[in-house]
Structure formats: structure tokens, C-alpha cells
């Protein structure tokens, strides 16, 4: 009977450990998803701000094609740096 009790106790401990491990994994996945969503939102915000800056600079000056291309290139470089 002691062996049966020990085996039952072992099964209970293993089941509890597996359950706790699964809960930890689920929390980690949830936290990772939340962090990813936060980072994407921050990136969208930065892209929006850079877009507004570019539009503002374009409106402020009358641009020849070369100056316009230069501003577009700067904008693309800023976007690449945010990634």
C-alpha cells in the first residue's frame, strides 16, 4: 500500500508540475503578444510622425524634382532606422 500511495503522490506532483508549466508558457505567450502589439503601435506612431514631418517640410518649400527626391530618400531612411 505504501508503494501505491507513493505512486499516487508522484502522479499528483507530476500533474501539478505539468499544469504549472503550461500556465507559465501561456503567460509568457500572452506577454510576448502584448509586447509585440505595443511595439507595432509604437512603430505606427513613429511612422505617422515621420510622415507628418515630411509633409510639413514639403509644404514649407517649393521643391524642384531633385530636392523632392532628396526628401523622399530621407523619409525612407528614417523608416528603415525605425525597423
PDB file of N, CA and C in Angstrom:
ATOM      1  N   UNK A   1       0.822  -1.198   0.000  1.00  0.00           N
ATOM      2  CA  UNK A   1       0.000   0.000   0.000  1.00  0.00           C
ATOM      3  C   UNK A   1       0.864   1.259   0.000  1.00  0.00           C
ATOM      4  N   UNK A   2       2.011   1.236   0.647  1.00  0.00           N
ATOM      5  CA  UNK A   2       2.897   2.396   0.673  1.00  0.00           C
ATOM      6  C   UNK A   2       3.381   2.725  -0.739  1.00  0.00           C
ATOM      7  N   UNK A   3       3.629   1.668  -1.546  1.00  0.00           N
ATOM      8  CA  UNK A   3       4.067   1.892  -2.927  1.00  0.00           C
ATOM      9  C   UNK A   3       2.959   2.564  -3.730  1.00  0.00           C
ATOM     10  N   UNK A   4       1.730   2.138  -3.511  1.00  0.00           N
ATOM     11  CA  UNK A   4       0.597   2.742  -4.233  1.00  0.00           C
ATOM     12  C   UNK A   4       0.422   4.207  -3.830  1.00  0.00           C
ATOM     13  N   UNK A   5       0.571   4.468  -2.550  1.00  0.00           N
ATOM     14  CA  UNK A   5       0.449   5.843  -2.063  1.00  0.00           C
ATOM     15  C   UNK A   5       1.559   6.707  -2.648  1.00  0.00           C
ATOM     16  N   UNK A   6       2.773   6.169  -2.667  1.00  0.00           N
ATOM     17  CA  UNK A   6       3.909   6.908  -3.224  1.00  0.00           C
ATOM     18  C   UNK A   6       3.703   7.165  -4.714  1.00  0.00           C
ATOM     19  N   UNK A   7       3.215   6.163  -5.432  1.00  0.00           N
ATOM     20  CA  UNK A   7       2.963   6.321  -6.870  1.00  0.00           C
ATOM     21  C   UNK A   7       1.863   7.346  -7.121  1.00  0.00           C
ATOM     22  N   UNK A   8       0.838   7.307  -6.318  1.00  0.00           N
ATOM     23  CA  UNK A   8      -0.254   8.276  -6.445  1.00  0.00           C
ATOM     24  C   UNK A   8       0.250   9.690  -6.169  1.00  0.00           C
ATOM     25  N   UNK A   9       1.076   9.814  -5.154  1.00  0.00           N
ATOM     26  CA  UNK A   9       1.656  11.112  -4.816  1.00  0.00           C
ATOM     27  C   UNK A   9       2.553  11.610  -5.947  1.00  0.00           C
ATOM     28  N   UNK A  10       3.343  10.697  -6.514  1.00  0.00           N
ATOM     29  CA  UNK A  10       4.216  11.062  -7.630  1.00  0.00           C
ATOM     30  C   UNK A  10       3.394  11.555  -8.816  1.00  0.00           C
ATOM     31  N   UNK A  11       2.321  10.845  -9.152  1.00  0.00           N
ATOM     32  CA  UNK A  11       1.455  11.253 -10.270  1.00  0.00           C
ATOM     33  C   UNK A  11       0.848  12.629 -10.014  1.00  0.00           C
ATOM     34  N   UNK A  12       0.429  12.861  -8.788  1.00  0.00           N
ATOM     35  CA  UNK A  12      -0.148  14.166  -8.439  1.00  0.00           C
ATOM     36  C   UNK A  12       0.882  15.287  -8.599  1.00  0.00           C
ATOM     37  N   UNK A  13       2.097  15.017  -8.133  1.00  0.00           N
ATOM     38  CA  UNK A  13       3.163  16.022  -8.230  1.00  0.00           C
ATOM     39  C   UNK A  13       3.489  16.310  -9.695  1.00  0.00           C
ATOM     40  N   UNK A  14       3.597  15.261 -10.506  1.00  0.00           N
ATOM     41  CA  UNK A  14       3.896  15.432 -11.930  1.00  0.00           C
ATOM     42  C   UNK A  14       2.771  16.202 -12.617  1.00  0.00           C
ATOM     43  N   UNK A  15       1.528  15.860 -12.320  1.00  0.00           N
ATOM     44  CA  UNK A  15       0.387  16.550 -12.933  1.00  0.00           C
ATOM     45  C   UNK A  15       0.381  18.027 -12.551  1.00  0.00           C
ATOM     46  N   UNK A  16       0.664  18.304 -11.288  1.00  0.00           N
ATOM     47  CA  UNK A  16       0.695  19.700 -10.833  1.00  0.00           C
ATOM     48  C   UNK A  16       1.831  20.456 -11.516  1.00  0.00           C
ATOM     49  N   UNK A  17       2.990  19.830 -11.634  1.00  0.00           N
ATOM     50  CA  UNK A  17       4.136  20.468 -12.287  1.00  0.00           C
ATOM     51  C   UNK A  17       3.833  20.745 -13.759  1.00  0.00           C
ATOM     52  N   UNK A  18       3.200  19.794 -14.437  1.00  0.00           N
ATOM     53  CA  UNK A  18       2.840  19.996 -15.844  1.00  0.00           C
ATOM     54  C   UNK A  18       1.833  21.132 -15.984  1.00  0.00           C
ATOM     55  N   UNK A  19       0.883  21.182 -15.082  1.00  0.00           N
ATOM     56  CA  UNK A  19      -0.123  22.244 -15.111  1.00  0.00           C
ATOM     57  C   UNK A  19       0.522  23.609 -14.886  1.00  0.00           C
ATOM     58  N   UNK A  20       1.416  23.689 -13.926  1.00  0.00           N
ATOM     59  CA  UNK A  20       2.113  24.946 -13.650  1.00  0.00           C
ATOM     60  C   UNK A  20       2.990  25.354 -14.833  1.00  0.00           C
ATOM     61  N   UNK A  21       3.655  24.381 -15.450  1.00  0.00           N
ATOM     62  CA  UNK A  21       4.499  24.675 -16.612  1.00  0.00           C
ATOM     63  C   UNK A  21       3.647  25.213 -17.759  1.00  0.00           C
ATOM     64  N   UNK A  22       2.494  24.612 -17.968  1.00  0.00           N
ATOM     65  CA  UNK A  22       1.596  25.072 -19.028  1.00  0.00           C
ATOM     66  C   UNK A  22       1.112  26.500 -18.741  1.00  0.00           C
ATOM     67  N   UNK A  23       0.810  26.792 -17.504  1.00  0.00           N
ATOM     68  CA  UNK A  23       0.370  28.143 -17.135  1.00  0.00           C
ATOM     69  C   UNK A  23       1.490  29.155 -17.375  1.00  0.00           C
ATOM     70  N   UNK A  24       2.716  28.778 -17.058  1.00  0.00           N
ATOM     71  CA  UNK A  24       3.861  29.667 -17.285  1.00  0.00           C
ATOM     72  C   UNK A  24       4.030  29.939 -18.776  1.00  0.00           C
ATOM     73  N   UNK A  25       3.927  28.899 -19.587  1.00  0.00           N
ATOM     74  CA  UNK A  25       4.055  29.060 -21.040  1.00  0.00           C
ATOM     75  C   UNK A  25       2.951  29.968 -21.572  1.00  0.00           C
ATOM     76  N   UNK A  26       1.730  29.773 -21.107  1.00  0.00           N
ATOM     77  CA  UNK A  26       0.615  30.606 -21.567  1.00  0.00           C
ATOM     78  C   UNK A  26       0.819  32.071 -21.174  1.00  0.00           C
ATOM     79  N   UNK A  27       1.291  32.308 -19.956  1.00  0.00           N
ATOM     80  CA  UNK A  27       1.562  33.690 -19.531  1.00  0.00           C
ATOM     81  C   UNK A  27       2.658  34.314 -20.390  1.00  0.00           C
ATOM     82  N   UNK A  28       3.700  33.546 -20.662  1.00  0.00           N
ATOM     83  CA  UNK A  28       4.807  34.060 -21.479  1.00  0.00           C
ATOM     84  C   UNK A  28       4.325  34.384 -22.894  1.00  0.00           C
ATOM     85  N   UNK A  29       3.496  33.515 -23.461  1.00  0.00           N
ATOM     86  CA  UNK A  29       2.969  33.773 -24.800  1.00  0.00           C
ATOM     87  C   UNK A  29       2.095  35.021 -24.807  1.00  0.00           C
ATOM     88  N   UNK A  30       1.293  35.177 -23.789  1.00  0.00           N
ATOM     89  CA  UNK A  30       0.425  36.348 -23.689  1.00  0.00           C
ATOM     90  C   UNK A  30       1.254  37.621 -23.546  1.00  0.00           C
ATOM     91  N   UNK A  31       2.267  37.575 -22.703  1.00  0.00           N
ATOM     92  CA  UNK A  31       3.134  38.740 -22.521  1.00  0.00           C
ATOM     93  C   UNK A  31       3.877  39.075 -23.811  1.00  0.00           C
ATOM     94  N   UNK A  32       4.327  38.053 -24.540  1.00  0.00           N
ATOM     95  CA  UNK A  32       5.024  38.289 -25.808  1.00  0.00           C
ATOM     96  C   UNK A  32       4.082  38.927 -26.824  1.00  0.00           C
ATOM     97  N   UNK A  33       2.855  38.451 -26.882  1.00  0.00           N
ATOM     98  CA  UNK A  33       1.875  39.032 -27.808  1.00  0.00           C
ATOM     99  C   UNK A  33       1.580  40.482 -27.438  1.00  0.00           C
ATOM    100  N   UNK A  34       1.444  40.752 -26.160  1.00  0.00           N
ATOM    101  CA  UNK A  34       1.193  42.128 -25.715  1.00  0.00           C
ATOM    102  C   UNK A  34       2.365  43.041 -26.063  1.00  0.00           C
ATOM    103  N   UNK A  35       3.572  42.553 -25.867  1.00  0.00           N
ATOM    104  CA  UNK A  35       4.765  43.344 -26.180  1.00  0.00           C
ATOM    105  C   UNK A  35       4.863  43.592 -27.684  1.00  0.00           C
ATOM    106  N   UNK A  36       4.556  42.567 -28.477  1.00  0.00           N
ATOM    107  CA  UNK A  36       4.571  42.731 -29.932  1.00  0.00           C
ATOM    108  C   UNK A  36       3.553  43.790 -30.360  1.00  0.00           C
ATOM    109  N   UNK A  37       2.355  43.717 -29.807  1.00  0.00           N
ATOM    110  CA  UNK A  37       1.317  44.699 -30.136  1.00  0.00           C
ATOM    111  C   UNK A  37       1.740  46.110 -29.740  1.00  0.00           C
ATOM    112  N   UNK A  38       2.369  46.240 -28.584  1.00  0.00           N
ATOM    113  CA  UNK A  38       2.838  47.548 -28.128  1.00  0.00           C
ATOM    114  C   UNK A  38       3.917  48.090 -29.069  1.00  0.00           C
ATOM    115  N   UNK A  39       4.834  47.215 -29.472  1.00  0.00           N
ATOM    116  CA  UNK A  39       5.909  47.640 -30.375  1.00  0.00           C
ATOM    117  C   UNK A  39       5.346  48.058 -31.732  1.00  0.00           C
ATOM    118  N   UNK A  40       4.370  47.312 -32.234  1.00  0.00           N
ATOM    119  CA  UNK A  40       3.750  47.679 -33.506  1.00  0.00           C
ATOM    120  C   UNK A  40       3.040  49.019 -33.410  1.00  0.00           C
ATOM    121  N   UNK A  41       2.350  49.243 -32.313  1.00  0.00           N
ATOM    122  CA  UNK A  41       1.659  50.518 -32.128  1.00  0.00           C
ATOM    123  C   UNK A  41       2.660  51.666 -32.067  1.00  0.00           C
ATOM    124  N   UNK A  42       3.763  51.438 -31.376  1.00  0.00           N
ATOM    125  CA  UNK A  42       4.804  52.467 -31.290  1.00  0.00           C
ATOM    126  C   UNK A  42       5.389  52.749 -32.670  1.00  0.00           C
ATOM    127  N   UNK A  43       5.616  51.692 -33.443  1.00  0.00           N
ATOM    128  CA  UNK A  43       6.151  51.858 -34.792  1.00  0.00           C
ATOM    129  C   UNK A  43       5.174  52.635 -35.671  1.00  0.00           C
ATOM    130  N   UNK A  44       3.897  52.311 -35.574  1.00  0.00           N
ATOM    131  CA  UNK A  44       2.891  53.043 -36.353  1.00  0.00           C
ATOM    132  C   UNK A  44       2.897  54.525 -35.982  1.00  0.00           C
ATOM    133  N   UNK A  45       3.019  54.781 -34.714  1.00  0.00           N
ATOM    134  CA  UNK A  45       3.049  56.163 -34.245  1.00  0.00           C
ATOM    135  C   UNK A  45       4.263  56.902 -34.804  1.00  0.00           C
ATOM    136  N   UNK A  46       5.422  56.247 -34.777  1.00  0.00           N
ATOM    137  CA  UNK A  46       6.638  56.862 -35.303  1.00  0.00           C
ATOM    138  C   UNK A  46       6.521  57.109 -36.803  1.00  0.00           C
ATOM    139  N   UNK A  47       5.975  56.136 -37.530  1.00  0.00           N
ATOM    140  CA  UNK A  47       5.792  56.300 -38.973  1.00  0.00           C
ATOM    141  C   UNK A  47       4.855  57.470 -39.244  1.00  0.00           C
ATOM    142  N   UNK A  48       3.801  57.580 -38.466  1.00  0.00           N
ATOM    143  CA  UNK A  48       2.872  58.699 -38.623  1.00  0.00           C
ATOM    144  C   UNK A  48       3.556  60.031 -38.380  1.00  0.00           C
ATOM    145  N   UNK A  49       4.363  60.099 -37.330  1.00  0.00           N
ATOM    146  CA  UNK A  49       5.068  61.345 -37.013  1.00  0.00           C
ATOM    147  C   UNK A  49       6.053  61.711 -38.116  1.00  0.00           C
ATOM    148  N   UNK A  50       6.772  60.722 -38.619  1.00  0.00           N
ATOM    149  CA  UNK A  50       7.730  60.983 -39.698  1.00  0.00           C
ATOM    150  C   UNK A  50       6.988  61.427 -40.958  1.00  0.00           C
ATOM    151  N   UNK A  51       5.851  60.822 -41.240  1.00  0.00           N
ATOM    152  CA  UNK A  51       5.052  61.209 -42.409  1.00  0.00           C
ATOM    153  C   UNK A  51       4.590  62.656 -42.299  1.00  0.00           C
ATOM    154  N   UNK A  52       4.149  63.039 -41.114  1.00  0.00           N
ATOM    155  CA  UNK A  52       3.713  64.421 -40.900  1.00  0.00           C
ATOM    156  C   UNK A  52       4.886  65.380 -41.075  1.00  0.00           C
ATOM    157  N   UNK A  53       6.047  65.004 -40.551  1.00  0.00           N
ATOM    158  CA  UNK A  53       7.232  65.850 -40.718  1.00  0.00           C
ATOM    159  C   UNK A  53       7.566  66.035 -42.192  1.00  0.00           C
ATOM    160  N   UNK A  54       7.524  64.951 -42.942  1.00  0.00           N
ATOM    161  CA  UNK A  54       7.828  65.029 -44.364  1.00  0.00           C
ATOM    162  C   UNK A  54       6.820  65.918 -45.083  1.00  0.00           C
ATOM    163  N   UNK A  55       5.552  65.705 -44.810  1.00  0.00           N
ATOM    164  CA  UNK A  55       4.519  66.521 -45.453  1.00  0.00           C
ATOM    165  C   UNK A  55       4.705  67.992 -45.101  1.00  0.00           C
ATOM    166  N   UNK A  56       5.023  68.257 -43.868  1.00  0.00           N
ATOM    167  CA  UNK A  56       5.238  69.631 -43.419  1.00  0.00           C
ATOM    168  C   UNK A  56       6.408  70.266 -44.151  1.00  0.00           C
ATOM    169  N   UNK A  57       7.492  69.520 -44.281  1.00  0.00           N
ATOM    170  CA  UNK A  57       8.668  70.056 -44.978  1.00  0.00           C
ATOM    171  C   UNK A  57       8.370  70.297 -46.451  1.00  0.00           C
ATOM    172  N   UNK A  58       7.596  69.409 -47.056  1.00  0.00           N
ATOM    173  CA  UNK A  58       7.252  69.576 -48.467  1.00  0.00           C
ATOM    174  C   UNK A  58       6.392  70.819 -48.658  1.00  0.00           C
ATOM    175  N   UNK A  59       5.441  71.015 -47.765  1.00  0.00           N
ATOM    176  CA  UNK A  59       4.556  72.172 -47.870  1.00  0.00           C
ATOM    177  C   UNK A  59       5.325  73.467 -47.637  1.00  0.00           C
ATOM    178  N   UNK A  60       6.313  73.441 -46.757  1.00  0.00           N
ATOM    179  CA  UNK A  60       7.062  74.649 -46.418  1.00  0.00           C
ATOM    180  C   UNK A  60       7.908  75.174 -47.572  1.00  0.00           C
ATOM    181  N   UNK A  61       8.339  74.322 -48.455  1.00  0.00           N
ATOM    182  CA  UNK A  61       9.198  74.788 -49.534  1.00  0.00           C
ATOM    183  C   UNK A  61       8.616  74.414 -50.890  1.00  0.00           C
ATOM    184  N   UNK A  62       9.027  75.182 -51.824  1.00  0.00           N
ATOM    185  CA  UNK A  62       8.708  74.820 -53.196  1.00  0.00           C
ATOM    186  C   UNK A  62       9.879  73.973 -53.657  1.00  0.00           C
ATOM    187  N   UNK A  63       9.591  72.769 -54.085  1.00  0.00           N
ATOM    188  CA  UNK A  63      10.670  71.831 -54.361  1.00  0.00           C
ATOM    189  C   UNK A  63      10.864  71.602 -55.851  1.00  0.00           C
ATOM    190  N   UNK A  64      12.130  71.554 -56.226  1.00  0.00           N
ATOM    191  CA  UNK A  64      12.418  71.068 -57.567  1.00  0.00           C
ATOM    192  C   UNK A  64      12.490  69.539 -57.479  1.00  0.00           C
ATOM    193  N   UNK A  65      12.494  68.850 -58.583  1.00  0.00           N
ATOM    194  CA  UNK A  65      12.482  67.372 -58.531  1.00  0.00           C
ATOM    195  C   UNK A  65      13.628  66.770 -57.711  1.00  0.00           C
ATOM    196  N   UNK A  66      14.807  67.349 -57.786  1.00  0.00           N
ATOM    197  CA  UNK A  66      15.946  66.799 -57.036  1.00  0.00           C
ATOM    198  C   UNK A  66      15.740  66.966 -55.538  1.00  0.00           C
ATOM    199  N   UNK A  67      15.252  68.122 -55.109  1.00  0.00           N
ATOM    200  CA  UNK A  67      15.000  68.349 -53.685  1.00  0.00           C
ATOM    201  C   UNK A  67      13.881  67.443 -53.190  1.00  0.00           C
ATOM    202  N   UNK A  68      12.871  67.269 -54.012  1.00  0.00           N
ATOM    203  CA  UNK A  68      11.764  66.376 -53.643  1.00  0.00           C
ATOM    204  C   UNK A  68      12.278  64.953 -53.454  1.00  0.00           C
ATOM    205  N   UNK A  69      13.101  64.488 -54.392  1.00  0.00           N
ATOM    206  CA  UNK A  69      13.656  63.141 -54.297  1.00  0.00           C
ATOM    207  C   UNK A  69      14.524  63.007 -53.046  1.00  0.00           C
ATOM    208  N   UNK A  70      15.271  64.038 -52.723  1.00  0.00           N
ATOM    209  CA  UNK A  70      16.115  64.019 -51.526  1.00  0.00           C
ATOM    210  C   UNK A  70      15.258  63.855 -50.261  1.00  0.00           C
ATOM    211  N   UNK A  71      14.154  64.589 -50.177  1.00  0.00           N
ATOM    212  CA  UNK A  71      13.267  64.462 -49.015  1.00  0.00           C
ATOM    213  C   UNK A  71      12.655  63.069 -48.930  1.00  0.00           C
ATOM    214  N   UNK A  72      12.259  62.530 -50.060  1.00  0.00           N
ATOM    215  CA  UNK A  72      11.691  61.176 -50.066  1.00  0.00           C
ATOM    216  C   UNK A  72      12.738  60.173 -49.607  1.00  0.00           C
ATOM    217  N   UNK A  73      13.969  60.310 -50.091  1.00  0.00           N
ATOM    218  CA  UNK A  73      15.045  59.407 -49.674  1.00  0.00           C
ATOM    219  C   UNK A  73      15.300  59.506 -48.168  1.00  0.00           C
ATOM    220  N   UNK A  74      15.301  60.723 -47.639  1.00  0.00           N
ATOM    221  CA  UNK A  74      15.470  60.902 -46.190  1.00  0.00           C
ATOM    222  C   UNK A  74      14.354  60.203 -45.426  1.00  0.00           C
ATOM    223  N   UNK A  75      13.148  60.346 -45.905  1.00  0.00           N
ATOM    224  CA  UNK A  75      11.989  59.714 -45.264  1.00  0.00           C
ATOM    225  C   UNK A  75      12.151  58.202 -45.237  1.00  0.00           C
ATOM    226  N   UNK A  76      12.553  57.638 -46.349  1.00  0.00           N
ATOM    227  CA  UNK A  76      12.734  56.183 -46.423  1.00  0.00           C
ATOM    228  C   UNK A  76      13.832  55.738 -45.463  1.00  0.00           C
ATOM    229  N   UNK A  77      14.918  56.500 -45.381  1.00  0.00           N
ATOM    230  CA  UNK A  77      15.998  56.151 -44.451  1.00  0.00           C
ATOM    231  C   UNK A  77      15.510  56.187 -43.001  1.00  0.00           C
ATOM    232  N   UNK A  78      14.699  57.184 -42.662  1.00  0.00           N
ATOM    233  CA  UNK A  78      14.161  57.258 -41.299  1.00  0.00           C
ATOM    234  C   UNK A  78      13.274  56.060 -41.003  1.00  0.00           C
ATOM    235  N   UNK A  79      12.468  55.666 -41.981  1.00  0.00           N
ATOM    236  CA  UNK A  79      11.613  54.490 -41.787  1.00  0.00           C
ATOM    237  C   UNK A  79      12.454  53.242 -41.573  1.00  0.00           C
ATOM    238  N   UNK A  80      13.517  53.102 -42.341  1.00  0.00           N
ATOM    239  CA  UNK A  80      14.375  51.926 -42.198  1.00  0.00           C
ATOM    240  C   UNK A  80      15.060  51.899 -40.838  1.00  0.00           C
ATOM    241  N   UNK A  81      15.423  53.060 -40.316  1.00  0.00           N
ATOM    242  CA  UNK A  81      16.068  53.104 -38.996  1.00  0.00           C
ATOM    243  C   UNK A  81      15.095  52.727 -37.890  1.00  0.00           C
ATOM    244  N   UNK A  82      13.798  52.974 -38.080  1.00  0.00           N
ATOM    245  CA  UNK A  82      12.835  52.623 -37.035  1.00  0.00           C
ATOM    246  C   UNK A  82      12.608  51.123 -36.980  1.00  0.00           C
ATOM    247  N   UNK A  83      12.954  50.415 -38.032  1.00  0.00           N
ATOM    248  CA  UNK A  83      12.807  48.954 -38.023  1.00  0.00           C
ATOM    249  C   UNK A  83      14.002  48.392 -37.338  1.00  0.00           C
TER     250      UNK A  83
END
